Amino acid sequence: MADAENRQPNSTSAKPHDTQRPSVAEAVTELVQMSVDYVRQETGDVVHDKVVVPTQKAGRVVAFALVAAFSLMLGIAFLSAAVLVLLGPLIGWAATLFLVGGLLVLGAAGFTYLRMRSMQ
């Protein structure tokens, strides 16, 4: 008789409704947590697709534009120096400086005018 009291119940004799179910509060808490996790994940995906990726693309465009602008300025400086060396002895250094400086200023003013006109 002592053996019968100390024996573990067989799995075949356990009733199906004896399994523990979470309480309503635990189920609601789990549902809310799953909903919050889902919203966070979807929000992160949307922010990545709508904000991060376009910002990275814009950063690349700005970086390449800066490199292109620097290269253009360096080329203009070298061309200006070449014109100075070429025309200096021919027409005089003062006239050459005025000519090259005037052309650079006129070119910058024309470019600025065209750019402002196209923006309006």
PDB file of N, CA and C in Angstrom:
ATOM      1  N   MET A   1       0.809  -1.181   0.000  1.00  0.00           N
ATOM      2  CA  MET A   1       0.000   0.000   0.000  1.00  0.00           C
ATOM      3  C   MET A   1       0.863   1.260   0.000  1.00  0.00           C
ATOM      4  N   ALA A   2       1.979   1.206   0.671  1.00  0.00           N
ATOM      5  CA  ALA A   2       2.891   2.341   0.661  1.00  0.00           C
ATOM      6  C   ALA A   2       3.461   2.535  -0.732  1.00  0.00           C
ATOM      7  N   ASP A   3       3.641   1.414  -1.444  1.00  0.00           N
ATOM      8  CA  ASP A   3       4.139   1.514  -2.801  1.00  0.00           C
ATOM      9  C   ASP A   3       3.126   2.208  -3.703  1.00  0.00           C
ATOM     10  N   ALA A   4       1.882   1.969  -3.489  1.00  0.00           N
ATOM     11  CA  ALA A   4       0.852   2.577  -4.341  1.00  0.00           C
ATOM     12  C   ALA A   4       0.753   4.076  -4.101  1.00  0.00           C
ATOM     13  N   GLU A   5       1.020   4.537  -2.868  1.00  0.00           N
ATOM     14  CA  GLU A   5       0.940   5.956  -2.562  1.00  0.00           C
ATOM     15  C   GLU A   5       2.150   6.724  -3.101  1.00  0.00           C
ATOM     16  N   ASN A   6       3.334   6.064  -3.140  1.00  0.00           N
ATOM     17  CA  ASN A   6       4.567   6.727  -3.571  1.00  0.00           C
ATOM     18  C   ASN A   6       4.757   6.692  -5.081  1.00  0.00           C
ATOM     19  N   ARG A   7       3.938   5.914  -5.765  1.00  0.00           N
ATOM     20  CA  ARG A   7       4.098   5.799  -7.208  1.00  0.00           C
ATOM     21  C   ARG A   7       3.685   7.071  -7.932  1.00  0.00           C
ATOM     22  N   GLN A   8       4.430   7.372  -8.982  1.00  0.00           N
ATOM     23  CA  GLN A   8       4.107   8.497  -9.845  1.00  0.00           C
ATOM     24  C   GLN A   8       2.942   8.101 -10.750  1.00  0.00           C
ATOM     25  N   PRO A   9       2.059   8.994 -11.043  1.00  0.00           N
ATOM     26  CA  PRO A   9       0.963   8.638 -11.946  1.00  0.00           C
ATOM     27  C   PRO A   9       1.503   8.444 -13.360  1.00  0.00           C
ATOM     28  N   ASN A  10       0.946   7.483 -14.054  1.00  0.00           N
ATOM     29  CA  ASN A  10       1.347   7.228 -15.436  1.00  0.00           C
ATOM     30  C   ASN A  10       0.856   8.346 -16.331  1.00  0.00           C
ATOM     31  N   SER A  11       1.590   8.543 -17.423  1.00  0.00           N
ATOM     32  CA  SER A  11       1.172   9.577 -18.360  1.00  0.00           C
ATOM     33  C   SER A  11      -0.137   9.190 -19.031  1.00  0.00           C
ATOM     34  N   THR A  12      -0.405   7.902 -19.069  1.00  0.00           N
ATOM     35  CA  THR A  12      -1.648   7.465 -19.693  1.00  0.00           C
ATOM     36  C   THR A  12      -2.839   7.735 -18.804  1.00  0.00           C
ATOM     37  N   SER A  13      -2.590   7.825 -17.488  1.00  0.00           N
ATOM     38  CA  SER A  13      -3.713   8.048 -16.586  1.00  0.00           C
ATOM     39  C   SER A  13      -3.970   9.537 -16.339  1.00  0.00           C
ATOM     40  N   ALA A  14      -3.079  10.443 -16.835  1.00  0.00           N
ATOM     41  CA  ALA A  14      -3.280  11.883 -16.630  1.00  0.00           C
ATOM     42  C   ALA A  14      -4.413  12.367 -17.532  1.00  0.00           C
ATOM     43  N   LYS A  15      -5.178  13.261 -17.009  1.00  0.00           N
ATOM     44  CA  LYS A  15      -6.303  13.793 -17.762  1.00  0.00           C
ATOM     45  C   LYS A  15      -5.826  14.923 -18.664  1.00  0.00           C
ATOM     46  N   PRO A  16      -6.431  15.090 -19.856  1.00  0.00           N
ATOM     47  CA  PRO A  16      -5.969  16.138 -20.772  1.00  0.00           C
ATOM     48  C   PRO A  16      -6.208  17.541 -20.250  1.00  0.00           C
ATOM     49  N   HIS A  17      -7.182  17.754 -19.389  1.00  0.00           N
ATOM     50  CA  HIS A  17      -7.447  19.107 -18.900  1.00  0.00           C
ATOM     51  C   HIS A  17      -6.616  19.464 -17.686  1.00  0.00           C
ATOM     52  N   ASP A  18      -5.673  18.592 -17.306  1.00  0.00           N
ATOM     53  CA  ASP A  18      -4.791  18.885 -16.179  1.00  0.00           C
ATOM     54  C   ASP A  18      -3.602  19.766 -16.587  1.00  0.00           C
ATOM     55  N   THR A  19      -3.379  19.987 -17.886  1.00  0.00           N
ATOM     56  CA  THR A  19      -2.243  20.817 -18.302  1.00  0.00           C
ATOM     57  C   THR A  19      -2.477  22.245 -17.839  1.00  0.00           C
ATOM     58  N   GLN A  20      -1.386  22.903 -17.495  1.00  0.00           N
ATOM     59  CA  GLN A  20      -1.527  24.269 -16.997  1.00  0.00           C
ATOM     60  C   GLN A  20      -1.704  25.230 -18.149  1.00  0.00           C
ATOM     61  N   ARG A  21      -2.692  26.059 -18.041  1.00  0.00           N
ATOM     62  CA  ARG A  21      -2.944  27.098 -19.021  1.00  0.00           C
ATOM     63  C   ARG A  21      -2.560  28.434 -18.395  1.00  0.00           C
ATOM     64  N   PRO A  22      -2.052  29.361 -19.239  1.00  0.00           N
ATOM     65  CA  PRO A  22      -1.740  30.678 -18.673  1.00  0.00           C
ATOM     66  C   PRO A  22      -3.034  31.395 -18.292  1.00  0.00           C
ATOM     67  N   SER A  23      -2.915  32.231 -17.304  1.00  0.00           N
ATOM     68  CA  SER A  23      -4.094  32.988 -16.898  1.00  0.00           C
ATOM     69  C   SER A  23      -4.414  34.027 -17.964  1.00  0.00           C
ATOM     70  N   VAL A  24      -5.560  34.644 -17.841  1.00  0.00           N
ATOM     71  CA  VAL A  24      -5.976  35.658 -18.808  1.00  0.00           C
ATOM     72  C   VAL A  24      -4.997  36.833 -18.782  1.00  0.00           C
ATOM     73  N   ALA A  25      -4.558  37.228 -17.610  1.00  0.00           N
ATOM     74  CA  ALA A  25      -3.620  38.353 -17.496  1.00  0.00           C
ATOM     75  C   ALA A  25      -2.304  38.026 -18.188  1.00  0.00           C
ATOM     76  N   GLU A  26      -1.804  36.786 -18.027  1.00  0.00           N
ATOM     77  CA  GLU A  26      -0.560  36.396 -18.685  1.00  0.00           C
ATOM     78  C   GLU A  26      -0.742  36.370 -20.203  1.00  0.00           C
ATOM     79  N   ALA A  27      -1.883  35.892 -20.664  1.00  0.00           N
ATOM     80  CA  ALA A  27      -2.146  35.838 -22.100  1.00  0.00           C
ATOM     81  C   ALA A  27      -2.227  37.243 -22.685  1.00  0.00           C
ATOM     82  N   VAL A  28      -2.888  38.156 -21.976  1.00  0.00           N
ATOM     83  CA  VAL A  28      -2.993  39.534 -22.445  1.00  0.00           C
ATOM     84  C   VAL A  28      -1.608  40.196 -22.454  1.00  0.00           C
ATOM     85  N   THR A  29      -0.829  39.948 -21.410  1.00  0.00           N
ATOM     86  CA  THR A  29       0.528  40.502 -21.336  1.00  0.00           C
ATOM     87  C   THR A  29       1.375  39.988 -22.490  1.00  0.00           C
ATOM     88  N   GLU A  30       1.281  38.698 -22.775  1.00  0.00           N
ATOM     89  CA  GLU A  30       2.044  38.126 -23.884  1.00  0.00           C
ATOM     90  C   GLU A  30       1.584  38.709 -25.228  1.00  0.00           C
ATOM     91  N   LEU A  31       0.285  38.888 -25.399  1.00  0.00           N
ATOM     92  CA  LEU A  31      -0.247  39.471 -26.627  1.00  0.00           C
ATOM     93  C   LEU A  31       0.250  40.904 -26.813  1.00  0.00           C
ATOM     94  N   VAL A  32       0.219  41.689 -25.740  1.00  0.00           N
ATOM     95  CA  VAL A  32       0.698  43.073 -25.814  1.00  0.00           C
ATOM     96  C   VAL A  32       2.187  43.101 -26.143  1.00  0.00           C
ATOM     97  N   GLN A  33       2.967  42.219 -25.515  1.00  0.00           N
ATOM     98  CA  GLN A  33       4.413  42.179 -25.765  1.00  0.00           C
ATOM     99  C   GLN A  33       4.696  41.784 -27.211  1.00  0.00           C
ATOM    100  N   MET A  34       3.967  40.810 -27.730  1.00  0.00           N
ATOM    101  CA  MET A  34       4.150  40.412 -29.122  1.00  0.00           C
ATOM    102  C   MET A  34       3.780  41.549 -30.064  1.00  0.00           C
ATOM    103  N   SER A  35       2.728  42.277 -29.743  1.00  0.00           N
ATOM    104  CA  SER A  35       2.315  43.408 -30.577  1.00  0.00           C
ATOM    105  C   SER A  35       3.376  44.503 -30.568  1.00  0.00           C
ATOM    106  N   VAL A  36       3.914  44.806 -29.395  1.00  0.00           N
ATOM    107  CA  VAL A  36       4.960  45.833 -29.279  1.00  0.00           C
ATOM    108  C   VAL A  36       6.196  45.407 -30.059  1.00  0.00           C
ATOM    109  N   ASP A  37       6.592  44.142 -29.944  1.00  0.00           N
ATOM    110  CA  ASP A  37       7.759  43.657 -30.682  1.00  0.00           C
ATOM    111  C   ASP A  37       7.540  43.751 -32.185  1.00  0.00           C
ATOM    112  N   TYR A  38       6.329  43.408 -32.633  1.00  0.00           N
ATOM    113  CA  TYR A  38       6.008  43.484 -34.060  1.00  0.00           C
ATOM    114  C   TYR A  38       6.072  44.926 -34.560  1.00  0.00           C
ATOM    115  N   VAL A  39       5.488  45.847 -33.808  1.00  0.00           N
ATOM    116  CA  VAL A  39       5.489  47.261 -34.221  1.00  0.00           C
ATOM    117  C   VAL A  39       6.913  47.796 -34.251  1.00  0.00           C
ATOM    118  N   ARG A  40       7.731  47.429 -33.270  1.00  0.00           N
ATOM    119  CA  ARG A  40       9.129  47.887 -33.264  1.00  0.00           C
ATOM    120  C   ARG A  40       9.878  47.363 -34.481  1.00  0.00           C
ATOM    121  N   GLN A  41       9.677  46.100 -34.795  1.00  0.00           N
ATOM    122  CA  GLN A  41      10.364  45.514 -35.942  1.00  0.00           C
ATOM    123  C   GLN A  41       9.921  46.182 -37.238  1.00  0.00           C
ATOM    124  N   GLU A  42       8.629  46.358 -37.421  1.00  0.00           N
ATOM    125  CA  GLU A  42       8.130  46.972 -38.642  1.00  0.00           C
ATOM    126  C   GLU A  42       8.553  48.436 -38.739  1.00  0.00           C
ATOM    127  N   THR A  43       8.530  49.145 -37.619  1.00  0.00           N
ATOM    128  CA  THR A  43       8.961  50.541 -37.610  1.00  0.00           C
ATOM    129  C   THR A  43      10.437  50.645 -37.980  1.00  0.00           C
ATOM    130  N   GLY A  44      11.238  49.743 -37.437  1.00  0.00           N
ATOM    131  CA  GLY A  44      12.662  49.736 -37.780  1.00  0.00           C
ATOM    132  C   GLY A  44      12.884  49.485 -39.248  1.00  0.00           C
ATOM    133  N   ASP A  45      12.125  48.555 -39.833  1.00  0.00           N
ATOM    134  CA  ASP A  45      12.257  48.271 -41.257  1.00  0.00           C
ATOM    135  C   ASP A  45      11.836  49.472 -42.101  1.00  0.00           C
ATOM    136  N   VAL A  46      10.736  50.104 -41.722  1.00  0.00           N
ATOM    137  CA  VAL A  46      10.243  51.257 -42.484  1.00  0.00           C
ATOM    138  C   VAL A  46      11.237  52.405 -42.391  1.00  0.00           C
ATOM    139  N   VAL A  47      11.749  52.673 -41.192  1.00  0.00           N
ATOM    140  CA  VAL A  47      12.722  53.765 -41.012  1.00  0.00           C
ATOM    141  C   VAL A  47      13.973  53.468 -41.833  1.00  0.00           C
ATOM    142  N   HIS A  48      14.404  52.224 -41.832  1.00  0.00           N
ATOM    143  CA  HIS A  48      15.600  51.873 -42.604  1.00  0.00           C
ATOM    144  C   HIS A  48      15.354  52.096 -44.089  1.00  0.00           C
ATOM    145  N   ASP A  49      14.200  51.651 -44.580  1.00  0.00           N
ATOM    146  CA  ASP A  49      13.912  51.772 -46.009  1.00  0.00           C
ATOM    147  C   ASP A  49      13.627  53.204 -46.434  1.00  0.00           C
ATOM    148  N   LYS A  50      12.941  53.978 -45.594  1.00  0.00           N
ATOM    149  CA  LYS A  50      12.496  55.312 -45.989  1.00  0.00           C
ATOM    150  C   LYS A  50      13.448  56.427 -45.583  1.00  0.00           C
ATOM    151  N   VAL A  51      14.318  56.193 -44.600  1.00  0.00           N
ATOM    152  CA  VAL A  51      15.190  57.266 -44.109  1.00  0.00           C
ATOM    153  C   VAL A  51      16.669  56.930 -44.297  1.00  0.00           C
ATOM    154  N   VAL A  52      17.088  55.769 -43.824  1.00  0.00           N
ATOM    155  CA  VAL A  52      18.519  55.452 -43.798  1.00  0.00           C
ATOM    156  C   VAL A  52      19.069  55.284 -45.216  1.00  0.00           C
ATOM    157  N   VAL A  53      18.397  54.482 -46.031  1.00  0.00           N
ATOM    158  CA  VAL A  53      18.901  54.218 -47.382  1.00  0.00           C
ATOM    159  C   VAL A  53      18.948  55.496 -48.230  1.00  0.00           C
ATOM    160  N   PRO A  54      17.882  56.331 -48.266  1.00  0.00           N
ATOM    161  CA  PRO A  54      18.001  57.579 -49.038  1.00  0.00           C
ATOM    162  C   PRO A  54      19.076  58.527 -48.493  1.00  0.00           C
ATOM    163  N   THR A  55      19.264  58.545 -47.185  1.00  0.00           N
ATOM    164  CA  THR A  55      20.311  59.396 -46.605  1.00  0.00           C
ATOM    165  C   THR A  55      21.689  58.922 -47.032  1.00  0.00           C
ATOM    166  N   GLN A  56      21.880  57.608 -47.069  1.00  0.00           N
ATOM    167  CA  GLN A  56      23.164  57.080 -47.523  1.00  0.00           C
ATOM    168  C   GLN A  56      23.401  57.425 -48.992  1.00  0.00           C
ATOM    169  N   LYS A  57      22.368  57.302 -49.810  1.00  0.00           N
ATOM    170  CA  LYS A  57      22.514  57.651 -51.229  1.00  0.00           C
ATOM    171  C   LYS A  57      22.836  59.137 -51.388  1.00  0.00           C
ATOM    172  N   ALA A  58      22.155  59.986 -50.630  1.00  0.00           N
ATOM    173  CA  ALA A  58      22.422  61.424 -50.701  1.00  0.00           C
ATOM    174  C   ALA A  58      23.849  61.728 -50.249  1.00  0.00           C
ATOM    175  N   GLY A  59      24.329  61.033 -49.241  1.00  0.00           N
ATOM    176  CA  GLY A  59      25.703  61.223 -48.780  1.00  0.00           C
ATOM    177  C   GLY A  59      26.711  60.868 -49.856  1.00  0.00           C
ATOM    178  N   ARG A  60      26.448  59.769 -50.575  1.00  0.00           N
ATOM    179  CA  ARG A  60      27.347  59.392 -51.673  1.00  0.00           C
ATOM    180  C   ARG A  60      27.343  60.452 -52.774  1.00  0.00           C
ATOM    181  N   VAL A  61      26.164  60.961 -53.104  1.00  0.00           N
ATOM    182  CA  VAL A  61      26.066  61.987 -54.150  1.00  0.00           C
ATOM    183  C   VAL A  61      26.834  63.235 -53.735  1.00  0.00           C
ATOM    184  N   VAL A  62      26.668  63.655 -52.490  1.00  0.00           N
ATOM    185  CA  VAL A  62      27.371  64.850 -52.002  1.00  0.00           C
ATOM    186  C   VAL A  62      28.885  64.619 -52.006  1.00  0.00           C
ATOM    187  N   ALA A  63      29.320  63.434 -51.605  1.00  0.00           N
ATOM    188  CA  ALA A  63      30.758  63.139 -51.592  1.00  0.00           C
ATOM    189  C   ALA A  63      31.329  63.193 -53.010  1.00  0.00           C
ATOM    190  N   PHE A  64      30.638  62.576 -53.961  1.00  0.00           N
ATOM    191  CA  PHE A  64      31.134  62.616 -55.336  1.00  0.00           C
ATOM    192  C   PHE A  64      31.088  64.027 -55.904  1.00  0.00           C
ATOM    193  N   ALA A  65      30.083  64.811 -55.539  1.00  0.00           N
ATOM    194  CA  ALA A  65      30.006  66.195 -56.007  1.00  0.00           C
ATOM    195  C   ALA A  65      31.172  67.017 -55.455  1.00  0.00           C
ATOM    196  N   LEU A  66      31.515  66.794 -54.196  1.00  0.00           N
ATOM    197  CA  LEU A  66      32.655  67.517 -53.615  1.00  0.00           C
ATOM    198  C   LEU A  66      33.965  67.135 -54.302  1.00  0.00           C
ATOM    199  N   VAL A  67      34.135  65.862 -54.590  1.00  0.00           N
ATOM    200  CA  VAL A  67      35.349  65.423 -55.291  1.00  0.00           C
ATOM    201  C   VAL A  67      35.391  66.037 -56.690  1.00  0.00           C
ATOM    202  N   ALA A  68      34.250  66.048 -57.380  1.00  0.00           N
ATOM    203  CA  ALA A  68      34.202  66.639 -58.717  1.00  0.00           C
ATOM    204  C   ALA A  68      34.489  68.139 -58.666  1.00  0.00           C
ATOM    205  N   ALA A  69      33.932  68.843 -57.693  1.00  0.00           N
ATOM    206  CA  ALA A  69      34.167  70.281 -57.572  1.00  0.00           C
ATOM    207  C   ALA A  69      35.640  70.578 -57.272  1.00  0.00           C
ATOM    208  N   PHE A  70      36.239  69.772 -56.398  1.00  0.00           N
ATOM    209  CA  PHE A  70      37.652  69.973 -56.079  1.00  0.00           C
ATOM    210  C   PHE A  70      38.517  69.723 -57.316  1.00  0.00           C
ATOM    211  N   SER A  71      38.198  68.692 -58.074  1.00  0.00           N
ATOM    212  CA  SER A  71      38.959  68.398 -59.292  1.00  0.00           C
ATOM    213  C   SER A  71      38.812  69.523 -60.309  1.00  0.00           C
ATOM    214  N   LEU A  72      37.606  70.054 -60.438  1.00  0.00           N
ATOM    215  CA  LEU A  72      37.382  71.166 -61.365  1.00  0.00           C
ATOM    216  C   LEU A  72      38.167  72.401 -60.938  1.00  0.00           C
ATOM    217  N   MET A  73      38.156  72.710 -59.653  1.00  0.00           N
ATOM    218  CA  MET A  73      38.915  73.874 -59.164  1.00  0.00           C
ATOM    219  C   MET A  73      40.413  73.686 -59.393  1.00  0.00           C
ATOM    220  N   LEU A  74      40.903  72.473 -59.170  1.00  0.00           N
ATOM    221  CA  LEU A  74      42.320  72.210 -59.383  1.00  0.00           C
ATOM    222  C   LEU A  74      42.673  72.350 -60.865  1.00  0.00           C
ATOM    223  N   GLY A  75      41.806  71.852 -61.746  1.00  0.00           N
ATOM    224  CA  GLY A  75      42.039  71.989 -63.189  1.00  0.00           C
ATOM    225  C   GLY A  75      42.031  73.431 -63.634  1.00  0.00           C
ATOM    226  N   ILE A  76      41.087  74.214 -63.117  1.00  0.00           N
ATOM    227  CA  ILE A  76      41.035  75.639 -63.463  1.00  0.00           C
ATOM    228  C   ILE A  76      42.284  76.358 -62.968  1.00  0.00           C
ATOM    229  N   ALA A  77      42.754  76.007 -61.784  1.00  0.00           N
ATOM    230  CA  ALA A  77      43.972  76.641 -61.262  1.00  0.00           C
ATOM    231  C   ALA A  77      45.178  76.320 -62.144  1.00  0.00           C
ATOM    232  N   PHE A  78      45.306  75.052 -62.574  1.00  0.00           N
ATOM    233  CA  PHE A  78      46.426  74.685 -63.436  1.00  0.00           C
ATOM    234  C   PHE A  78      46.332  75.367 -64.801  1.00  0.00           C
ATOM    235  N   LEU A  79      45.114  75.433 -65.359  1.00  0.00           N
ATOM    236  CA  LEU A  79      44.948  76.116 -66.643  1.00  0.00           C
ATOM    237  C   LEU A  79      45.255  77.610 -66.516  1.00  0.00           C
ATOM    238  N   SER A  80      44.840  78.207 -65.417  1.00  0.00           N
ATOM    239  CA  SER A  80      45.131  79.630 -65.200  1.00  0.00           C
ATOM    240  C   SER A  80      46.635  79.862 -65.099  1.00  0.00           C
ATOM    241  N   ALA A  81      47.314  78.981 -64.381  1.00  0.00           N
ATOM    242  CA  ALA A  81      48.770  79.117 -64.265  1.00  0.00           C
ATOM    243  C   ALA A  81      49.436  78.961 -65.622  1.00  0.00           C
ATOM    244  N   ALA A  82      48.931  78.026 -66.432  1.00  0.00           N
ATOM    245  CA  ALA A  82      49.512  77.823 -67.769  1.00  0.00           C
ATOM    246  C   ALA A  82      49.294  79.051 -68.648  1.00  0.00           C
ATOM    247  N   VAL A  83      48.111  79.643 -68.580  1.00  0.00           N
ATOM    248  CA  VAL A  83      47.835  80.852 -69.376  1.00  0.00           C
ATOM    249  C   VAL A  83      48.721  82.004 -68.906  1.00  0.00           C
ATOM    250  N   LEU A  84      48.900  82.100 -67.587  1.00  0.00           N
ATOM    251  CA  LEU A  84      49.787  83.162 -67.072  1.00  0.00           C
ATOM    252  C   LEU A  84      51.200  83.001 -67.598  1.00  0.00           C
ATOM    253  N   VAL A  85      51.707  81.779 -67.568  1.00  0.00           N
ATOM    254  CA  VAL A  85      53.077  81.537 -68.031  1.00  0.00           C
ATOM    255  C   VAL A  85      53.176  81.773 -69.538  1.00  0.00           C
ATOM    256  N   LEU A  86      52.134  81.417 -70.273  1.00  0.00           N
ATOM    257  CA  LEU A  86      52.167  81.571 -71.721  1.00  0.00           C
ATOM    258  C   LEU A  86      52.024  83.032 -72.152  1.00  0.00           C
ATOM    259  N   LEU A  87      51.054  83.737 -71.567  1.00  0.00           N
ATOM    260  CA  LEU A  87      50.787  85.107 -72.010  1.00  0.00           C
ATOM    261  C   LEU A  87      51.610  86.169 -71.292  1.00  0.00           C
ATOM    262  N   GLY A  88      52.154  85.856 -70.162  1.00  0.00           N
ATOM    263  CA  GLY A  88      52.919  86.838 -69.377  1.00  0.00           C
ATOM    264  C   GLY A  88      54.005  87.523 -70.166  1.00  0.00           C
ATOM    265  N   PRO A  89      54.918  86.784 -70.769  1.00  0.00           N
ATOM    266  CA  PRO A  89      55.990  87.451 -71.531  1.00  0.00           C
ATOM    267  C   PRO A  89      55.496  88.126 -72.808  1.00  0.00           C
ATOM    268  N   LEU A  90      54.343  87.662 -73.337  1.00  0.00           N
ATOM    269  CA  LEU A  90      53.876  88.215 -74.614  1.00  0.00           C
ATOM    270  C   LEU A  90      53.192  89.568 -74.450  1.00  0.00           C
ATOM    271  N   ILE A  91      52.241  89.671 -73.483  1.00  0.00           N
ATOM    272  CA  ILE A  91      51.478  90.923 -73.361  1.00  0.00           C
ATOM    273  C   ILE A  91      51.750  91.657 -72.057  1.00  0.00           C
ATOM    274  N   GLY A  92      52.622  91.141 -71.248  1.00  0.00           N
ATOM    275  CA  GLY A  92      52.958  91.781 -69.975  1.00  0.00           C
ATOM    276  C   GLY A  92      52.228  91.087 -68.826  1.00  0.00           C
ATOM    277  N   TRP A  93      52.886  91.091 -67.675  1.00  0.00           N
ATOM    278  CA  TRP A  93      52.342  90.350 -66.532  1.00  0.00           C
ATOM    279  C   TRP A  93      51.089  91.003 -65.968  1.00  0.00           C
ATOM    280  N   ALA A  94      51.052  92.288 -65.918  1.00  0.00           N
ATOM    281  CA  ALA A  94      49.879  92.965 -65.353  1.00  0.00           C
ATOM    282  C   ALA A  94      48.649  92.723 -66.219  1.00  0.00           C
ATOM    283  N   ALA A  95      48.817  92.837 -67.528  1.00  0.00           N
ATOM    284  CA  ALA A  95      47.687  92.605 -68.430  1.00  0.00           C
ATOM    285  C   ALA A  95      47.239  91.148 -68.381  1.00  0.00           C
ATOM    286  N   THR A  96      48.171  90.250 -68.250  1.00  0.00           N
ATOM    287  CA  THR A  96      47.834  88.822 -68.175  1.00  0.00           C
ATOM    288  C   THR A  96      47.041  88.522 -66.908  1.00  0.00           C
ATOM    289  N   LEU A  97      47.473  89.106 -65.793  1.00  0.00           N
ATOM    290  CA  LEU A  97      46.749  88.889 -64.537  1.00  0.00           C
ATOM    291  C   LEU A  97      45.325  89.430 -64.621  1.00  0.00           C
ATOM    292  N   PHE A  98      45.171  90.626 -65.184  1.00  0.00           N
ATOM    293  CA  PHE A  98      43.823  91.179 -65.346  1.00  0.00           C
ATOM    294  C   PHE A  98      42.967  90.320 -66.278  1.00  0.00           C
ATOM    295  N   LEU A  99      43.558  89.856 -67.359  1.00  0.00           N
ATOM    296  CA  LEU A  99      42.819  89.046 -68.328  1.00  0.00           C
ATOM    297  C   LEU A  99      42.365  87.723 -67.717  1.00  0.00           C
ATOM    298  N   VAL A 100      43.271  87.007 -67.075  1.00  0.00           N
ATOM    299  CA  VAL A 100      42.917  85.702 -66.485  1.00  0.00           C
ATOM    300  C   VAL A 100      41.955  85.897 -65.327  1.00  0.00           C
ATOM    301  N   GLY A 101      42.201  86.846 -64.459  1.00  0.00           N
ATOM    302  CA  GLY A 101      41.290  87.112 -63.339  1.00  0.00           C
ATOM    303  C   GLY A 101      39.909  87.524 -63.811  1.00  0.00           C
ATOM    304  N   GLY A 102      39.871  88.396 -64.838  1.00  0.00           N
ATOM    305  CA  GLY A 102      38.583  88.827 -65.381  1.00  0.00           C
ATOM    306  C   GLY A 102      37.806  87.670 -65.988  1.00  0.00           C
ATOM    307  N   LEU A 103      38.492  86.799 -66.713  1.00  0.00           N
ATOM    308  CA  LEU A 103      37.809  85.639 -67.293  1.00  0.00           C
ATOM    309  C   LEU A 103      37.259  84.704 -66.212  1.00  0.00           C
ATOM    310  N   LEU A 104      38.024  84.508 -65.163  1.00  0.00           N
ATOM    311  CA  LEU A 104      37.546  83.649 -64.071  1.00  0.00           C
ATOM    312  C   LEU A 104      36.323  84.261 -63.376  1.00  0.00           C
ATOM    313  N   VAL A 105      36.378  85.553 -63.134  1.00  0.00           N
ATOM    314  CA  VAL A 105      35.239  86.223 -62.477  1.00  0.00           C
ATOM    315  C   VAL A 105      34.015  86.213 -63.384  1.00  0.00           C
ATOM    316  N   LEU A 106      34.198  86.497 -64.666  1.00  0.00           N
ATOM    317  CA  LEU A 106      33.073  86.458 -65.603  1.00  0.00           C
ATOM    318  C   LEU A 106      32.481  85.049 -65.721  1.00  0.00           C
ATOM    319  N   GLY A 107      33.333  84.058 -65.754  1.00  0.00           N
ATOM    320  CA  GLY A 107      32.848  82.674 -65.816  1.00  0.00           C
ATOM    321  C   GLY A 107      32.048  82.300 -64.581  1.00  0.00           C
ATOM    322  N   ALA A 108      32.539  82.693 -63.399  1.00  0.00           N
ATOM    323  CA  ALA A 108      31.816  82.398 -62.160  1.00  0.00           C
ATOM    324  C   ALA A 108      30.490  83.146 -62.108  1.00  0.00           C
ATOM    325  N   ALA A 109      30.486  84.411 -62.546  1.00  0.00           N
ATOM    326  CA  ALA A 109      29.246  85.199 -62.542  1.00  0.00           C
ATOM    327  C   ALA A 109      28.236  84.623 -63.529  1.00  0.00           C
ATOM    328  N   GLY A 110      28.687  84.211 -64.708  1.00  0.00           N
ATOM    329  CA  GLY A 110      27.783  83.612 -65.685  1.00  0.00           C
ATOM    330  C   GLY A 110      27.201  82.293 -65.189  1.00  0.00           C
ATOM    331  N   PHE A 111      28.030  81.475 -64.594  1.00  0.00           N
ATOM    332  CA  PHE A 111      27.544  80.209 -64.046  1.00  0.00           C
ATOM    333  C   PHE A 111      26.526  80.448 -62.935  1.00  0.00           C
ATOM    334  N   THR A 112      26.809  81.423 -62.072  1.00  0.00           N
ATOM    335  CA  THR A 112      25.878  81.736 -60.978  1.00  0.00           C
ATOM    336  C   THR A 112      24.553  82.253 -61.527  1.00  0.00           C
ATOM    337  N   TYR A 113      24.607  83.102 -62.529  1.00  0.00           N
ATOM    338  CA  TYR A 113      23.374  83.630 -63.128  1.00  0.00           C
ATOM    339  C   TYR A 113      22.536  82.506 -63.736  1.00  0.00           C
ATOM    340  N   LEU A 114      23.185  81.637 -64.496  1.00  0.00           N
ATOM    341  CA  LEU A 114      22.448  80.522 -65.101  1.00  0.00           C
ATOM    342  C   LEU A 114      21.868  79.581 -64.055  1.00  0.00           C
ATOM    343  N   ARG A 115      22.608  79.355 -63.000  1.00  0.00           N
ATOM    344  CA  ARG A 115      22.126  78.461 -61.937  1.00  0.00           C
ATOM    345  C   ARG A 115      20.930  79.083 -61.212  1.00  0.00           C
ATOM    346  N   MET A 116      21.015  80.353 -60.909  1.00  0.00           N
ATOM    347  CA  MET A 116      19.900  81.030 -60.222  1.00  0.00           C
ATOM    348  C   MET A 116      18.668  81.086 -61.112  1.00  0.00           C
ATOM    349  N   ARG A 117      18.863  81.281 -62.401  1.00  0.00           N
ATOM    350  CA  ARG A 117      17.752  81.346 -63.344  1.00  0.00           C
ATOM    351  C   ARG A 117      17.053  79.992 -63.467  1.00  0.00           C
ATOM    352  N   SER A 118      17.832  78.913 -63.444  1.00  0.00           N
ATOM    353  CA  SER A 118      17.239  77.583 -63.569  1.00  0.00           C
ATOM    354  C   SER A 118      16.533  77.139 -62.281  1.00  0.00           C
ATOM    355  N   MET A 119      16.867  77.739 -61.169  1.00  0.00           N
ATOM    356  CA  MET A 119      16.221  77.379 -59.894  1.00  0.00           C
ATOM    357  C   MET A 119      14.857  78.035 -59.737  1.00  0.00           C
ATOM    358  N   GLN A 120      14.601  79.100 -60.457  1.00  0.00           N
ATOM    359  CA  GLN A 120      13.331  79.821 -60.311  1.00  0.00           C
ATOM    360  C   GLN A 120      12.236  79.201 -61.130  1.00  0.00           C
TER     361      GLN A 120
END
